N, C-alpha and C. Protein backbone atom coordinates (compact mmCIF):
# COMPACT_ATOMS: atom_id res chain seq x y z
N MET A 1 0.85 -1.21 0.00
CA MET A 1 -0.01 0.01 -0.01
C MET A 1 0.85 1.25 -0.01
N SER A 2 2.05 1.17 0.67
CA SER A 2 2.92 2.36 0.76
C SER A 2 3.39 2.77 -0.61
N ASN A 3 3.59 1.82 -1.52
CA ASN A 3 4.09 2.18 -2.89
C ASN A 3 3.03 2.89 -3.66
N LEU A 4 1.77 2.81 -3.22
CA LEU A 4 0.72 3.52 -3.92
C LEU A 4 0.55 4.93 -3.46
N THR A 5 0.91 5.19 -2.20
CA THR A 5 0.68 6.49 -1.62
C THR A 5 1.79 7.53 -1.89
N LYS A 6 3.01 7.06 -2.29
CA LYS A 6 4.05 8.02 -2.58
C LYS A 6 3.77 8.67 -3.92
N LEU A 7 4.24 9.91 -4.11
CA LEU A 7 3.97 10.64 -5.30
C LEU A 7 4.87 10.10 -6.44
N GLU A 8 4.18 9.46 -7.44
CA GLU A 8 4.89 8.83 -8.52
C GLU A 8 4.84 9.61 -9.81
N LEU A 9 4.00 10.61 -9.88
CA LEU A 9 3.92 11.49 -11.06
C LEU A 9 3.35 12.83 -10.64
N PRO A 10 3.46 13.85 -11.50
CA PRO A 10 2.97 15.17 -11.08
C PRO A 10 1.45 15.16 -10.74
N VAL A 11 1.09 16.05 -9.87
CA VAL A 11 -0.33 16.24 -9.49
C VAL A 11 -1.08 16.83 -10.67
N LEU A 12 -2.32 16.38 -10.86
CA LEU A 12 -3.20 16.98 -11.89
C LEU A 12 -3.57 18.43 -11.49
N ASP A 13 -3.17 19.40 -12.25
CA ASP A 13 -3.44 20.81 -11.96
C ASP A 13 -4.93 21.03 -12.16
N ILE A 14 -5.54 21.92 -11.23
CA ILE A 14 -6.94 22.17 -11.35
C ILE A 14 -7.30 22.84 -12.63
N THR A 15 -6.37 23.57 -13.24
CA THR A 15 -6.66 24.23 -14.52
C THR A 15 -6.74 23.18 -15.67
N GLY A 16 -6.16 22.06 -15.43
CA GLY A 16 -6.11 20.98 -16.49
C GLY A 16 -5.00 21.18 -17.48
N LYS A 17 -4.10 22.13 -17.23
CA LYS A 17 -3.07 22.41 -18.23
C LYS A 17 -2.17 21.23 -18.49
N ASN A 18 -2.12 20.30 -17.49
CA ASN A 18 -1.26 19.10 -17.70
C ASN A 18 -2.12 17.86 -17.83
N SER A 19 -3.42 18.03 -18.10
CA SER A 19 -4.33 16.86 -18.06
C SER A 19 -4.01 15.75 -19.07
N LEU A 20 -3.60 16.15 -20.28
CA LEU A 20 -3.29 15.13 -21.32
C LEU A 20 -2.19 14.22 -20.92
N SER A 21 -1.04 14.84 -20.52
CA SER A 21 0.10 14.03 -20.14
C SER A 21 -0.16 13.29 -18.82
N TRP A 22 -0.91 13.94 -17.94
CA TRP A 22 -1.25 13.33 -16.62
C TRP A 22 -2.09 12.05 -16.84
N MET A 23 -3.11 12.12 -17.68
CA MET A 23 -3.94 10.96 -17.91
C MET A 23 -3.19 9.80 -18.57
N LEU A 24 -2.31 10.12 -19.47
CA LEU A 24 -1.51 9.12 -20.14
C LEU A 24 -0.61 8.44 -19.07
N ASP A 25 0.07 9.24 -18.27
CA ASP A 25 0.94 8.72 -17.15
C ASP A 25 0.14 7.85 -16.20
N VAL A 26 -1.04 8.31 -15.80
CA VAL A 26 -1.83 7.54 -14.86
C VAL A 26 -2.24 6.18 -15.44
N GLU A 27 -2.65 6.13 -16.70
CA GLU A 27 -3.02 4.86 -17.35
C GLU A 27 -1.86 3.90 -17.32
N ILE A 28 -0.63 4.44 -17.64
CA ILE A 28 0.54 3.56 -17.67
C ILE A 28 0.88 3.04 -16.27
N HIS A 29 0.81 3.93 -15.26
CA HIS A 29 1.13 3.57 -13.89
C HIS A 29 0.16 2.52 -13.33
N LEU A 30 -1.17 2.72 -13.65
CA LEU A 30 -2.14 1.77 -13.16
C LEU A 30 -1.98 0.42 -13.88
N ASP A 31 -1.63 0.41 -15.14
CA ASP A 31 -1.38 -0.84 -15.85
C ASP A 31 -0.21 -1.61 -15.28
N THR A 32 0.83 -0.90 -14.86
CA THR A 32 2.01 -1.56 -14.27
C THR A 32 1.70 -2.16 -12.90
N LYS A 33 0.62 -1.65 -12.29
CA LYS A 33 0.23 -2.15 -10.94
C LYS A 33 -0.97 -3.15 -11.07
N ASP A 34 -1.24 -3.54 -12.30
CA ASP A 34 -2.41 -4.45 -12.60
C ASP A 34 -3.70 -3.82 -12.08
N LEU A 35 -3.81 -2.53 -12.22
CA LEU A 35 -5.06 -1.81 -11.81
C LEU A 35 -5.67 -1.02 -13.00
N GLY A 36 -5.15 -1.30 -14.18
CA GLY A 36 -5.69 -0.59 -15.39
C GLY A 36 -7.15 -0.80 -15.63
N ASP A 37 -7.67 -1.97 -15.32
CA ASP A 37 -9.09 -2.28 -15.55
C ASP A 37 -10.01 -1.42 -14.71
N THR A 38 -9.52 -0.96 -13.58
CA THR A 38 -10.41 -0.20 -12.64
C THR A 38 -10.97 1.11 -13.19
N ILE A 39 -10.32 1.63 -14.21
CA ILE A 39 -10.81 2.91 -14.77
C ILE A 39 -11.47 2.71 -16.16
N ARG A 40 -11.68 1.44 -16.52
CA ARG A 40 -12.38 1.11 -17.82
C ARG A 40 -13.87 0.81 -17.55
N GLU A 41 -14.68 1.23 -18.48
CA GLU A 41 -16.14 0.99 -18.37
C GLU A 41 -16.45 -0.48 -18.33
N GLY A 42 -17.47 -0.77 -17.51
CA GLY A 42 -17.95 -2.18 -17.40
C GLY A 42 -16.92 -3.15 -16.85
N ASN A 43 -15.92 -2.67 -16.04
CA ASN A 43 -14.90 -3.53 -15.54
C ASN A 43 -15.41 -4.40 -14.44
N LYS A 44 -14.74 -5.51 -14.19
CA LYS A 44 -15.07 -6.46 -13.10
C LYS A 44 -14.02 -6.46 -12.01
N ALA A 45 -13.43 -5.26 -11.80
CA ALA A 45 -12.34 -5.16 -10.80
C ALA A 45 -12.86 -5.40 -9.43
N THR A 46 -12.02 -6.02 -8.57
CA THR A 46 -12.41 -6.27 -7.17
C THR A 46 -12.47 -4.97 -6.41
N SER A 47 -13.24 -5.00 -5.27
CA SER A 47 -13.38 -3.80 -4.48
C SER A 47 -12.02 -3.39 -3.90
N GLN A 48 -11.15 -4.32 -3.65
CA GLN A 48 -9.81 -4.03 -3.09
C GLN A 48 -8.99 -3.28 -4.14
N ASN A 49 -9.04 -3.72 -5.41
CA ASN A 49 -8.31 -3.09 -6.47
C ASN A 49 -8.84 -1.65 -6.79
N LYS A 50 -10.17 -1.55 -6.67
CA LYS A 50 -10.80 -0.22 -6.88
C LYS A 50 -10.32 0.70 -5.78
N ALA A 51 -10.26 0.21 -4.52
CA ALA A 51 -9.79 1.08 -3.45
C ALA A 51 -8.31 1.53 -3.65
N LYS A 52 -7.49 0.58 -4.14
CA LYS A 52 -6.09 0.91 -4.42
C LYS A 52 -5.98 1.99 -5.51
N ALA A 53 -6.81 1.81 -6.56
CA ALA A 53 -6.78 2.81 -7.66
C ALA A 53 -7.26 4.17 -7.17
N MET A 54 -8.29 4.22 -6.31
CA MET A 54 -8.78 5.47 -5.80
C MET A 54 -7.74 6.16 -4.96
N ILE A 55 -6.98 5.41 -4.14
CA ILE A 55 -5.91 5.97 -3.37
C ILE A 55 -4.88 6.62 -4.29
N PHE A 56 -4.51 5.91 -5.32
CA PHE A 56 -3.53 6.42 -6.28
C PHE A 56 -3.99 7.69 -6.95
N LEU A 57 -5.23 7.63 -7.45
CA LEU A 57 -5.78 8.80 -8.19
C LEU A 57 -5.88 10.02 -7.26
N HIS A 58 -6.43 9.81 -6.09
CA HIS A 58 -6.58 10.90 -5.14
C HIS A 58 -5.27 11.55 -4.73
N HIS A 59 -4.28 10.68 -4.62
CA HIS A 59 -2.93 11.18 -4.19
C HIS A 59 -2.27 12.08 -5.23
N HIS A 60 -2.76 11.92 -6.50
CA HIS A 60 -2.18 12.74 -7.55
C HIS A 60 -3.14 13.75 -8.13
N LEU A 61 -4.05 14.23 -7.29
CA LEU A 61 -5.01 15.27 -7.67
C LEU A 61 -4.73 16.60 -6.95
N HIS A 62 -4.97 17.68 -7.55
CA HIS A 62 -4.94 19.02 -6.90
C HIS A 62 -5.92 19.02 -5.73
N GLU A 63 -5.61 19.71 -4.63
CA GLU A 63 -6.47 19.74 -3.47
C GLU A 63 -7.92 20.15 -3.77
N GLY A 64 -8.05 21.11 -4.63
CA GLY A 64 -9.40 21.54 -5.04
C GLY A 64 -10.24 20.47 -5.72
N LEU A 65 -9.52 19.67 -6.52
CA LEU A 65 -10.18 18.52 -7.21
C LEU A 65 -10.53 17.45 -6.20
N LYS A 66 -9.68 17.23 -5.23
CA LYS A 66 -9.94 16.22 -4.19
C LYS A 66 -11.24 16.57 -3.44
N ILE A 67 -11.40 17.86 -3.14
CA ILE A 67 -12.58 18.31 -2.43
C ILE A 67 -13.82 18.18 -3.31
N GLU A 68 -13.67 18.54 -4.56
CA GLU A 68 -14.80 18.50 -5.50
C GLU A 68 -15.34 17.09 -5.75
N TYR A 69 -14.38 16.09 -5.79
CA TYR A 69 -14.80 14.75 -6.09
C TYR A 69 -14.70 13.84 -4.87
N LEU A 70 -14.88 14.46 -3.71
CA LEU A 70 -14.70 13.75 -2.44
C LEU A 70 -15.67 12.53 -2.26
N THR A 71 -16.89 12.73 -2.80
CA THR A 71 -17.94 11.69 -2.64
C THR A 71 -17.88 10.58 -3.66
N VAL A 72 -17.01 10.72 -4.70
CA VAL A 72 -16.91 9.69 -5.73
C VAL A 72 -16.01 8.57 -5.16
N LYS A 73 -16.57 7.35 -5.14
CA LYS A 73 -15.84 6.22 -4.58
C LYS A 73 -15.32 5.26 -5.63
N ASP A 74 -15.84 5.34 -6.84
CA ASP A 74 -15.49 4.41 -7.93
C ASP A 74 -14.40 5.01 -8.84
N PRO A 75 -13.25 4.42 -8.99
CA PRO A 75 -12.20 5.03 -9.85
C PRO A 75 -12.65 5.23 -11.30
N GLN A 76 -13.52 4.36 -11.81
CA GLN A 76 -13.99 4.50 -13.21
C GLN A 76 -14.88 5.74 -13.33
N VAL A 77 -15.68 6.01 -12.32
CA VAL A 77 -16.54 7.23 -12.35
C VAL A 77 -15.69 8.49 -12.21
N LEU A 78 -14.75 8.44 -11.35
CA LEU A 78 -13.80 9.58 -11.17
C LEU A 78 -13.06 9.86 -12.45
N TRP A 79 -12.57 8.82 -13.08
CA TRP A 79 -11.79 8.92 -14.34
C TRP A 79 -12.70 9.53 -15.44
N SER A 80 -13.89 9.05 -15.57
CA SER A 80 -14.83 9.55 -16.55
C SER A 80 -15.13 11.08 -16.31
N ASN A 81 -15.34 11.45 -15.05
CA ASN A 81 -15.62 12.80 -14.68
C ASN A 81 -14.45 13.75 -15.09
N LEU A 82 -13.27 13.29 -14.82
CA LEU A 82 -12.03 14.06 -15.07
C LEU A 82 -11.83 14.17 -16.59
N LYS A 83 -12.07 13.07 -17.32
CA LYS A 83 -11.92 13.14 -18.83
C LYS A 83 -12.93 14.07 -19.41
N GLU A 84 -14.18 14.03 -18.89
CA GLU A 84 -15.21 14.96 -19.45
C GLU A 84 -14.83 16.37 -19.11
N ARG A 85 -14.35 16.62 -17.87
CA ARG A 85 -14.03 17.91 -17.48
C ARG A 85 -12.92 18.56 -18.32
N TYR A 86 -11.87 17.77 -18.64
CA TYR A 86 -10.74 18.36 -19.35
C TYR A 86 -10.67 17.92 -20.83
N ASP A 87 -11.75 17.36 -21.33
CA ASP A 87 -11.77 16.95 -22.73
C ASP A 87 -11.54 18.11 -23.71
N HIS A 88 -11.99 19.29 -23.36
CA HIS A 88 -11.80 20.49 -24.21
C HIS A 88 -10.34 20.87 -24.39
N GLN A 89 -9.51 20.33 -23.49
CA GLN A 89 -8.06 20.63 -23.62
C GLN A 89 -7.49 20.13 -24.90
N LYS A 90 -8.14 19.12 -25.53
CA LYS A 90 -7.60 18.55 -26.80
C LYS A 90 -7.66 19.58 -27.89
N THR A 91 -8.72 20.44 -27.82
CA THR A 91 -8.87 21.43 -28.84
C THR A 91 -7.90 22.59 -28.69
N PHE A 92 -7.55 22.87 -27.43
CA PHE A 92 -6.59 23.98 -27.16
C PHE A 92 -5.13 23.49 -27.09
N GLY A 93 -4.98 22.16 -26.92
CA GLY A 93 -3.67 21.64 -26.75
C GLY A 93 -3.15 22.00 -25.32
N GLU A 94 -1.89 21.98 -25.18
CA GLU A 94 -1.25 22.26 -23.83
C GLU A 94 -1.04 23.76 -23.63
N LYS A 95 -1.31 24.57 -24.68
CA LYS A 95 -0.98 26.02 -24.58
C LYS A 95 -2.13 26.88 -24.16
N ILE A 96 -3.17 26.26 -23.62
CA ILE A 96 -4.35 27.05 -23.16
C ILE A 96 -3.91 28.04 -22.09
N THR A 97 -4.41 29.28 -22.17
CA THR A 97 -4.01 30.29 -21.22
C THR A 97 -5.06 30.38 -20.09
N ASP A 98 -4.63 30.99 -18.98
CA ASP A 98 -5.52 31.24 -17.85
C ASP A 98 -6.69 32.13 -18.26
N ALA A 99 -6.36 33.16 -19.08
CA ALA A 99 -7.43 34.09 -19.56
C ALA A 99 -8.53 33.35 -20.35
N GLU A 100 -8.12 32.40 -21.17
CA GLU A 100 -9.09 31.58 -21.96
C GLU A 100 -9.94 30.73 -21.04
N MET A 101 -9.27 30.11 -20.07
CA MET A 101 -10.02 29.25 -19.15
C MET A 101 -10.97 30.08 -18.27
N LEU A 102 -10.51 31.29 -17.83
CA LEU A 102 -11.41 32.15 -17.08
C LEU A 102 -12.67 32.54 -17.90
N GLU A 103 -12.39 32.92 -19.10
CA GLU A 103 -13.53 33.37 -19.99
C GLU A 103 -14.49 32.22 -20.23
N LYS A 104 -13.93 31.03 -20.45
CA LYS A 104 -14.78 29.83 -20.71
C LYS A 104 -15.65 29.54 -19.48
N THR A 105 -15.03 29.73 -18.24
CA THR A 105 -15.81 29.47 -17.07
C THR A 105 -16.89 30.50 -16.88
N TYR A 106 -16.58 31.80 -17.13
CA TYR A 106 -17.59 32.86 -16.98
C TYR A 106 -18.83 32.60 -17.87
N THR A 107 -18.49 32.13 -19.09
CA THR A 107 -19.61 31.90 -20.07
C THR A 107 -20.48 30.68 -19.70
N THR A 108 -20.00 29.87 -18.79
CA THR A 108 -20.82 28.71 -18.36
C THR A 108 -21.77 29.06 -17.26
N PHE A 109 -21.71 30.28 -16.69
CA PHE A 109 -22.60 30.71 -15.67
C PHE A 109 -24.05 30.68 -16.21
N HIS A 110 -25.01 30.32 -15.41
CA HIS A 110 -26.43 30.22 -15.87
C HIS A 110 -26.95 31.63 -16.15
N ALA A 111 -27.88 31.74 -17.06
CA ALA A 111 -28.47 33.07 -17.45
C ALA A 111 -29.01 33.82 -16.21
N ASN A 112 -29.52 33.04 -15.24
CA ASN A 112 -30.06 33.69 -14.02
C ASN A 112 -28.99 34.29 -13.15
N ASN A 113 -27.70 33.88 -13.39
CA ASN A 113 -26.63 34.40 -12.55
C ASN A 113 -25.77 35.42 -13.22
N VAL A 114 -26.35 36.26 -14.04
CA VAL A 114 -25.61 37.29 -14.77
C VAL A 114 -24.93 38.26 -13.78
N VAL A 115 -25.65 38.62 -12.73
CA VAL A 115 -25.09 39.55 -11.72
C VAL A 115 -23.89 38.89 -11.03
N LEU A 116 -24.04 37.60 -10.73
CA LEU A 116 -22.93 36.87 -10.08
C LEU A 116 -21.72 36.78 -11.03
N GLN A 117 -21.99 36.53 -12.27
CA GLN A 117 -20.93 36.47 -13.27
C GLN A 117 -20.20 37.80 -13.36
N THR A 118 -20.95 38.89 -13.34
CA THR A 118 -20.34 40.27 -13.42
C THR A 118 -19.48 40.52 -12.16
N GLN A 119 -19.99 40.05 -10.98
CA GLN A 119 -19.22 40.26 -9.73
C GLN A 119 -17.87 39.52 -9.81
N TYR A 120 -17.90 38.31 -10.29
CA TYR A 120 -16.60 37.50 -10.43
C TYR A 120 -15.70 38.16 -11.48
N ARG A 121 -16.26 38.66 -12.51
CA ARG A 121 -15.44 39.37 -13.55
C ARG A 121 -14.75 40.60 -12.92
N GLU A 122 -15.49 41.33 -12.14
CA GLU A 122 -14.94 42.53 -11.49
C GLU A 122 -13.78 42.30 -10.53
N LYS A 123 -13.69 41.06 -10.06
CA LYS A 123 -12.61 40.70 -9.14
C LYS A 123 -11.29 40.57 -9.93
N GLU A 124 -11.41 40.51 -11.29
CA GLU A 124 -10.26 40.52 -12.20
C GLU A 124 -9.21 39.41 -11.80
N PHE A 125 -9.64 38.18 -11.73
CA PHE A 125 -8.76 37.08 -11.45
C PHE A 125 -7.76 36.99 -12.55
N LYS A 126 -6.48 36.70 -12.18
CA LYS A 126 -5.41 36.51 -13.21
C LYS A 126 -5.19 35.02 -13.42
N LYS A 127 -5.47 34.23 -12.44
CA LYS A 127 -5.26 32.76 -12.57
C LYS A 127 -6.59 32.03 -12.47
N TYR A 128 -6.75 30.97 -13.27
CA TYR A 128 -7.93 30.18 -13.30
C TYR A 128 -8.10 29.49 -11.96
N SER A 129 -7.02 29.02 -11.34
CA SER A 129 -7.06 28.31 -10.08
C SER A 129 -7.68 29.18 -8.94
N GLU A 130 -7.38 30.51 -9.03
CA GLU A 130 -7.89 31.43 -8.02
C GLU A 130 -9.43 31.55 -8.10
N LEU A 131 -9.92 31.58 -9.35
CA LEU A 131 -11.38 31.64 -9.58
C LEU A 131 -12.02 30.35 -9.03
N ILE A 132 -11.44 29.19 -9.39
CA ILE A 132 -12.00 27.93 -9.00
C ILE A 132 -12.01 27.80 -7.44
N SER A 133 -10.94 28.20 -6.80
CA SER A 133 -10.89 28.13 -5.36
C SER A 133 -11.93 29.03 -4.73
N CYS A 134 -12.18 30.20 -5.30
CA CYS A 134 -13.21 31.15 -4.83
C CYS A 134 -14.60 30.51 -5.03
N LEU A 135 -14.81 29.86 -6.15
CA LEU A 135 -16.11 29.23 -6.44
C LEU A 135 -16.32 28.04 -5.47
N LEU A 136 -15.30 27.29 -5.16
CA LEU A 136 -15.41 26.16 -4.24
C LEU A 136 -15.77 26.64 -2.87
N VAL A 137 -15.11 27.72 -2.41
CA VAL A 137 -15.45 28.27 -1.08
C VAL A 137 -16.89 28.72 -1.03
N ALA A 138 -17.32 29.40 -2.08
CA ALA A 138 -18.72 29.85 -2.17
C ALA A 138 -19.68 28.70 -2.14
N GLU A 139 -19.31 27.63 -2.82
CA GLU A 139 -20.21 26.42 -2.91
C GLU A 139 -20.29 25.80 -1.51
N GLN A 140 -19.17 25.71 -0.80
CA GLN A 140 -19.13 25.10 0.54
C GLN A 140 -19.97 25.93 1.50
N ASN A 141 -19.83 27.26 1.38
CA ASN A 141 -20.65 28.14 2.26
C ASN A 141 -22.12 28.00 1.97
N ASN A 142 -22.48 27.87 0.70
CA ASN A 142 -23.92 27.68 0.35
C ASN A 142 -24.40 26.37 0.91
N GLU A 143 -23.61 25.32 0.84
CA GLU A 143 -24.01 24.00 1.40
C GLU A 143 -24.22 24.10 2.90
N LEU A 144 -23.36 24.80 3.55
CA LEU A 144 -23.50 24.96 5.06
C LEU A 144 -24.78 25.75 5.37
N LEU A 145 -25.02 26.79 4.58
CA LEU A 145 -26.25 27.59 4.80
C LEU A 145 -27.50 26.73 4.60
N MET A 146 -27.45 25.90 3.50
CA MET A 146 -28.60 25.07 3.22
C MET A 146 -28.86 24.04 4.29
N LYS A 147 -27.75 23.43 4.79
CA LYS A 147 -27.85 22.49 5.87
C LYS A 147 -28.43 23.11 7.10
N TYR A 148 -28.00 24.32 7.44
CA TYR A 148 -28.47 25.04 8.59
C TYR A 148 -29.95 25.40 8.38
N HIS A 149 -30.31 25.80 7.20
CA HIS A 149 -31.71 26.16 6.86
C HIS A 149 -32.62 24.97 7.00
N GLU A 150 -32.14 23.79 6.45
CA GLU A 150 -32.92 22.58 6.50
C GLU A 150 -33.11 22.08 7.94
N SER A 151 -32.12 22.30 8.79
CA SER A 151 -32.19 21.77 10.16
C SER A 151 -33.16 22.61 10.99
N ARG A 152 -33.42 23.90 10.54
CA ARG A 152 -34.40 24.73 11.21
C ARG A 152 -35.46 25.19 10.24
N PRO A 153 -36.58 24.41 10.16
CA PRO A 153 -37.60 24.76 9.16
C PRO A 153 -38.12 26.21 9.34
N THR A 154 -38.60 26.79 8.19
CA THR A 154 -39.05 28.16 8.17
C THR A 154 -40.21 28.35 9.13
N GLY A 155 -40.15 29.41 9.92
CA GLY A 155 -41.26 29.74 10.82
C GLY A 155 -41.08 29.13 12.20
N SER A 156 -40.10 28.21 12.36
CA SER A 156 -39.92 27.62 13.68
C SER A 156 -38.89 28.39 14.43
N THR A 157 -39.11 28.45 15.76
CA THR A 157 -38.12 29.17 16.64
C THR A 157 -37.86 28.27 17.85
N PRO A 158 -37.12 27.19 17.62
CA PRO A 158 -36.95 26.25 18.68
C PRO A 158 -36.27 26.71 19.91
N PHE A 159 -35.21 27.57 19.70
CA PHE A 159 -34.41 28.05 20.85
C PHE A 159 -35.20 28.97 21.78
N PRO A 160 -35.85 30.01 21.24
CA PRO A 160 -36.60 30.88 22.14
C PRO A 160 -37.73 30.16 22.87
N GLU A 161 -38.44 29.22 22.21
CA GLU A 161 -39.52 28.48 22.82
C GLU A 161 -38.93 27.62 23.98
N ALA A 162 -37.85 26.98 23.72
CA ALA A 162 -37.25 26.14 24.73
C ALA A 162 -36.86 26.98 25.92
N ASN A 163 -36.26 28.11 25.69
CA ASN A 163 -35.86 29.01 26.79
C ASN A 163 -37.12 29.55 27.54
N ALA A 164 -38.14 29.90 26.79
CA ALA A 164 -39.34 30.41 27.41
C ALA A 164 -39.98 29.38 28.26
N ALA A 165 -40.03 28.17 27.73
CA ALA A 165 -40.68 27.05 28.52
C ALA A 165 -39.86 26.85 29.80
N TYR A 166 -38.59 26.83 29.66
CA TYR A 166 -37.74 26.59 30.85
C TYR A 166 -37.92 27.71 31.79
N HIS A 167 -37.94 28.97 31.27
CA HIS A 167 -38.04 30.15 32.09
C HIS A 167 -39.37 30.16 32.82
N ASP A 168 -40.46 29.86 32.08
CA ASP A 168 -41.86 29.85 32.73
C ASP A 168 -41.84 28.77 33.80
N GLY A 169 -41.30 27.60 33.52
CA GLY A 169 -41.26 26.51 34.49
C GLY A 169 -40.56 26.94 35.70
N LYS A 170 -39.44 27.62 35.50
CA LYS A 170 -38.63 28.04 36.62
C LYS A 170 -39.38 29.08 37.45
N GLU A 171 -40.00 30.02 36.74
CA GLU A 171 -40.75 31.03 37.40
C GLU A 171 -41.91 30.42 38.26
N LYS A 172 -42.62 29.48 37.65
CA LYS A 172 -43.72 28.82 38.32
C LYS A 172 -43.19 28.12 39.53
N TYR A 173 -42.12 27.34 39.31
CA TYR A 173 -41.50 26.61 40.43
C TYR A 173 -41.12 27.58 41.53
N HIS A 174 -40.53 28.65 41.15
CA HIS A 174 -40.05 29.63 42.10
C HIS A 174 -41.14 30.26 42.83
N ALA A 175 -42.25 30.63 42.12
CA ALA A 175 -43.39 31.25 42.76
C ALA A 175 -44.09 30.36 43.65
N ASN A 176 -44.35 29.10 43.20
CA ASN A 176 -45.08 28.14 44.05
C ASN A 176 -44.29 27.63 45.16
N ASN A 177 -43.03 27.31 44.91
CA ASN A 177 -42.24 26.67 45.90
C ASN A 177 -41.63 27.66 46.88
N SER A 178 -41.14 28.78 46.31
CA SER A 178 -40.48 29.63 47.23
C SER A 178 -41.43 30.33 48.16
N GLY A 179 -42.65 30.49 47.65
CA GLY A 179 -43.64 31.13 48.54
C GLY A 179 -43.89 30.21 49.73
N ARG A 180 -44.07 28.91 49.38
CA ARG A 180 -44.25 27.92 50.47
C ARG A 180 -42.98 27.81 51.28
N GLY A 181 -41.88 27.70 50.58
CA GLY A 181 -40.66 27.51 51.27
C GLY A 181 -40.37 28.68 52.21
N ARG A 182 -40.65 29.87 51.76
CA ARG A 182 -40.37 31.02 52.59
C ARG A 182 -41.29 30.96 53.81
N GLY A 183 -42.56 30.65 53.52
CA GLY A 183 -43.49 30.62 54.65
C GLY A 183 -43.11 29.52 55.64
N ARG A 184 -42.81 28.33 55.08
CA ARG A 184 -42.43 27.25 56.00
C ARG A 184 -41.15 27.53 56.70
N GLY A 185 -40.23 27.99 55.89
CA GLY A 185 -38.87 28.22 56.45
C GLY A 185 -38.98 29.22 57.58
N ARG A 186 -39.66 30.28 57.32
CA ARG A 186 -39.75 31.34 58.43
C ARG A 186 -40.70 30.85 59.52
N GLY A 187 -41.72 30.19 59.09
CA GLY A 187 -42.73 29.74 60.10
C GLY A 187 -42.01 28.78 61.06
N TYR A 188 -41.33 27.80 60.51
CA TYR A 188 -40.69 26.85 61.37
C TYR A 188 -39.57 27.48 62.15
N GLY A 189 -38.85 28.38 61.44
CA GLY A 189 -37.75 29.11 62.11
C GLY A 189 -38.29 29.86 63.31
N TYR A 190 -39.41 30.58 63.07
CA TYR A 190 -40.00 31.36 64.09
C TYR A 190 -40.49 30.47 65.21
N GLY A 191 -41.20 29.37 64.78
CA GLY A 191 -41.74 28.47 65.80
C GLY A 191 -40.68 27.85 66.65
N ARG A 192 -39.62 27.40 66.00
CA ARG A 192 -38.60 26.69 66.78
C ARG A 192 -37.71 27.64 67.50
N GLY A 193 -37.35 28.69 66.79
CA GLY A 193 -36.28 29.60 67.34
C GLY A 193 -36.89 30.54 68.37
N ARG A 194 -37.67 31.44 67.87
CA ARG A 194 -38.21 32.42 68.77
C ARG A 194 -39.66 32.10 69.17
N GLY A 195 -40.20 31.08 68.44
CA GLY A 195 -41.62 30.77 68.62
C GLY A 195 -42.02 30.48 70.07
N ARG A 196 -41.15 29.74 70.74
CA ARG A 196 -41.47 29.38 72.10
C ARG A 196 -41.57 30.63 72.97
N ARG A 197 -40.50 31.42 72.83
CA ARG A 197 -40.51 32.64 73.62
C ARG A 197 -41.70 33.49 73.22
N TYR A 198 -41.85 33.55 71.88
CA TYR A 198 -43.00 34.36 71.39
C TYR A 198 -44.30 33.80 71.88
N GLY A 199 -44.35 32.43 71.83
CA GLY A 199 -45.59 31.77 72.27
C GLY A 199 -45.82 31.95 73.76
N TYR A 200 -44.75 31.77 74.51
CA TYR A 200 -44.91 31.90 75.93
C TYR A 200 -45.20 33.34 76.28
N GLY A 201 -44.61 34.22 75.52
CA GLY A 201 -44.81 35.65 75.78
C GLY A 201 -46.26 35.98 75.60
């Protein structure tokens, strides 16, 4: 397993500028480890071999790509996703510029997100990786907000209600008990302490 985790080839850059050579190298490396089938469609690879291939692929991915494909467990699915993602590199070759990649990304924004597209353009990113990192952070923040929103349905106020219930209960307990407690406490105290004298007096 240790021979799979050491860095045996360059990491796949998030811009995909080295995707063509990287994919060729990965195929060769996986073949030499008898794991080449794990990235082919309709393969019958064992779960152990798939796990080994996933470790190898993940170890040679840019951190941003690792986060993006974190939930993908099958090496063949990951491989297909990466090929689809960087397939356009064949038309540009290895000389694609950051400016071209940035422009291509801006044009993929949905028509409803024109304002968002403009905001990202105004940031004037010089590197494609900077834009992708920014988009990933925004996506993670959105996911956190959605999870928080789903955990507290609209219109519900669980915390104030819980506090109010506790507060009311405490007040009631305090009013009912401490009135009695005060009366008893003082009554008994009076009766036992000074009560005799008072009584006798």
